[in-house]
């Protein structure tokens, strides 16, 4: 069954918002590490996740 364009847009927005919240949680966990070495090790991943977070925000 095909969705109306409005319903599809709302579905995509809701899906993007849920994903954005999960990415935000992951960023918080990685940045909140007590060990500076761990924070440094995950810095490239955090940067990528921040880009994904911004892209998802554009969809909501």
C-alpha atoms as a PDB file:
ATOM      1  CA  UNK A   1       0.000   0.000   0.000  1.00  0.00           C
ATOM      2  CA  UNK A   2       1.336   3.400  -0.977  1.00  0.00           C
ATOM      3  CA  UNK A   3       1.583   6.246   1.547  1.00  0.00           C
ATOM      4  CA  UNK A   4       0.440   9.766   0.911  1.00  0.00           C
ATOM      5  CA  UNK A   5       3.306  12.247   0.505  1.00  0.00           C
ATOM      6  CA  UNK A   6       2.362  13.960   3.773  1.00  0.00           C
ATOM      7  CA  UNK A   7       2.290  10.705   5.709  1.00  0.00           C
ATOM      8  CA  UNK A   8       5.586   9.608   4.168  1.00  0.00           C
ATOM      9  CA  UNK A   9       7.208  12.943   5.089  1.00  0.00           C
ATOM     10  CA  UNK A  10       5.953  12.615   8.671  1.00  0.00           C
ATOM     11  CA  UNK A  11       7.207   9.011   8.864  1.00  0.00           C
ATOM     12  CA  UNK A  12      10.664  10.048   7.610  1.00  0.00           C
ATOM     13  CA  UNK A  13      10.751  12.949  10.054  1.00  0.00           C
ATOM     14  CA  UNK A  14       9.829  10.705  12.990  1.00  0.00           C
ATOM     15  CA  UNK A  15      12.374   8.087  11.959  1.00  0.00           C
ATOM     16  CA  UNK A  16      15.081  10.739  11.588  1.00  0.00           C
ATOM     17  CA  UNK A  17      14.235  12.194  15.007  1.00  0.00           C
ATOM     18  CA  UNK A  18      14.551   8.794  16.673  1.00  0.00           C
ATOM     19  CA  UNK A  19      17.882   8.164  14.945  1.00  0.00           C
ATOM     20  CA  UNK A  20      19.087  11.663  15.870  1.00  0.00           C
ATOM     21  CA  UNK A  21      18.345  10.990  19.541  1.00  0.00           C
ATOM     22  CA  UNK A  22      20.254   7.697  19.425  1.00  0.00           C
ATOM     23  CA  UNK A  23      23.250   9.358  17.757  1.00  0.00           C
ATOM     24  CA  UNK A  24      23.135  12.121  20.359  1.00  0.00           C
ATOM     25  CA  UNK A  25      23.240   9.513  23.133  1.00  0.00           C
ATOM     26  CA  UNK A  26      26.208   7.772  21.512  1.00  0.00           C
ATOM     27  CA  UNK A  27      28.083  11.071  21.229  1.00  0.00           C
ATOM     28  CA  UNK A  28      27.415  11.790  24.902  1.00  0.00           C
ATOM     29  CA  UNK A  29      28.694   8.386  25.961  1.00  0.00           C
ATOM     30  CA  UNK A  30      31.873   8.653  23.907  1.00  0.00           C
ATOM     31  CA  UNK A  31      32.618  12.212  25.008  1.00  0.00           C
ATOM     32  CA  UNK A  32      31.833  11.388  28.631  1.00  0.00           C
ATOM     33  CA  UNK A  33      34.574   8.804  29.005  1.00  0.00           C
ATOM     34  CA  UNK A  34      36.679   9.429  32.113  1.00  0.00           C
ATOM     35  CA  UNK A  35      39.933   8.437  30.426  1.00  0.00           C
ATOM     36  CA  UNK A  36      41.368  11.155  28.152  1.00  0.00           C
ATOM     37  CA  UNK A  37      43.020   8.406  26.087  1.00  0.00           C
ATOM     38  CA  UNK A  38      39.624   6.881  25.387  1.00  0.00           C
ATOM     39  CA  UNK A  39      38.211  10.275  24.439  1.00  0.00           C
ATOM     40  CA  UNK A  40      41.115  10.813  22.051  1.00  0.00           C
ATOM     41  CA  UNK A  41      40.737   7.350  20.543  1.00  0.00           C
ATOM     42  CA  UNK A  42      37.082   7.985  19.758  1.00  0.00           C
ATOM     43  CA  UNK A  43      37.493  11.605  18.578  1.00  0.00           C
ATOM     44  CA  UNK A  44      37.269  10.708  14.828  1.00  0.00           C
ATOM     45  CA  UNK A  45      34.132   8.646  15.450  1.00  0.00           C
ATOM     46  CA  UNK A  46      32.567  11.464  17.471  1.00  0.00           C
ATOM     47  CA  UNK A  47      33.256  13.875  14.603  1.00  0.00           C
ATOM     48  CA  UNK A  48      31.540  11.525  12.146  1.00  0.00           C
ATOM     49  CA  UNK A  49      28.593  11.068  14.482  1.00  0.00           C
ATOM     50  CA  UNK A  50      28.262  14.848  14.816  1.00  0.00           C
ATOM     51  CA  UNK A  51      28.016  15.098  11.006  1.00  0.00           C
ATOM     52  CA  UNK A  52      25.336  12.400  10.982  1.00  0.00           C
ATOM     53  CA  UNK A  53      23.529  14.245  13.798  1.00  0.00           C
ATOM     54  CA  UNK A  54      23.456  17.462  11.752  1.00  0.00           C
ATOM     55  CA  UNK A  55      22.208  15.632   8.653  1.00  0.00           C
ATOM     56  CA  UNK A  56      19.429  13.969  10.640  1.00  0.00           C
ATOM     57  CA  UNK A  57      18.447  17.305  12.114  1.00  0.00           C
ATOM     58  CA  UNK A  58      17.901  18.608   8.592  1.00  0.00           C
ATOM     59  CA  UNK A  59      15.373  15.802   8.007  1.00  0.00           C
ATOM     60  CA  UNK A  60      13.293  16.595  11.094  1.00  0.00           C
END
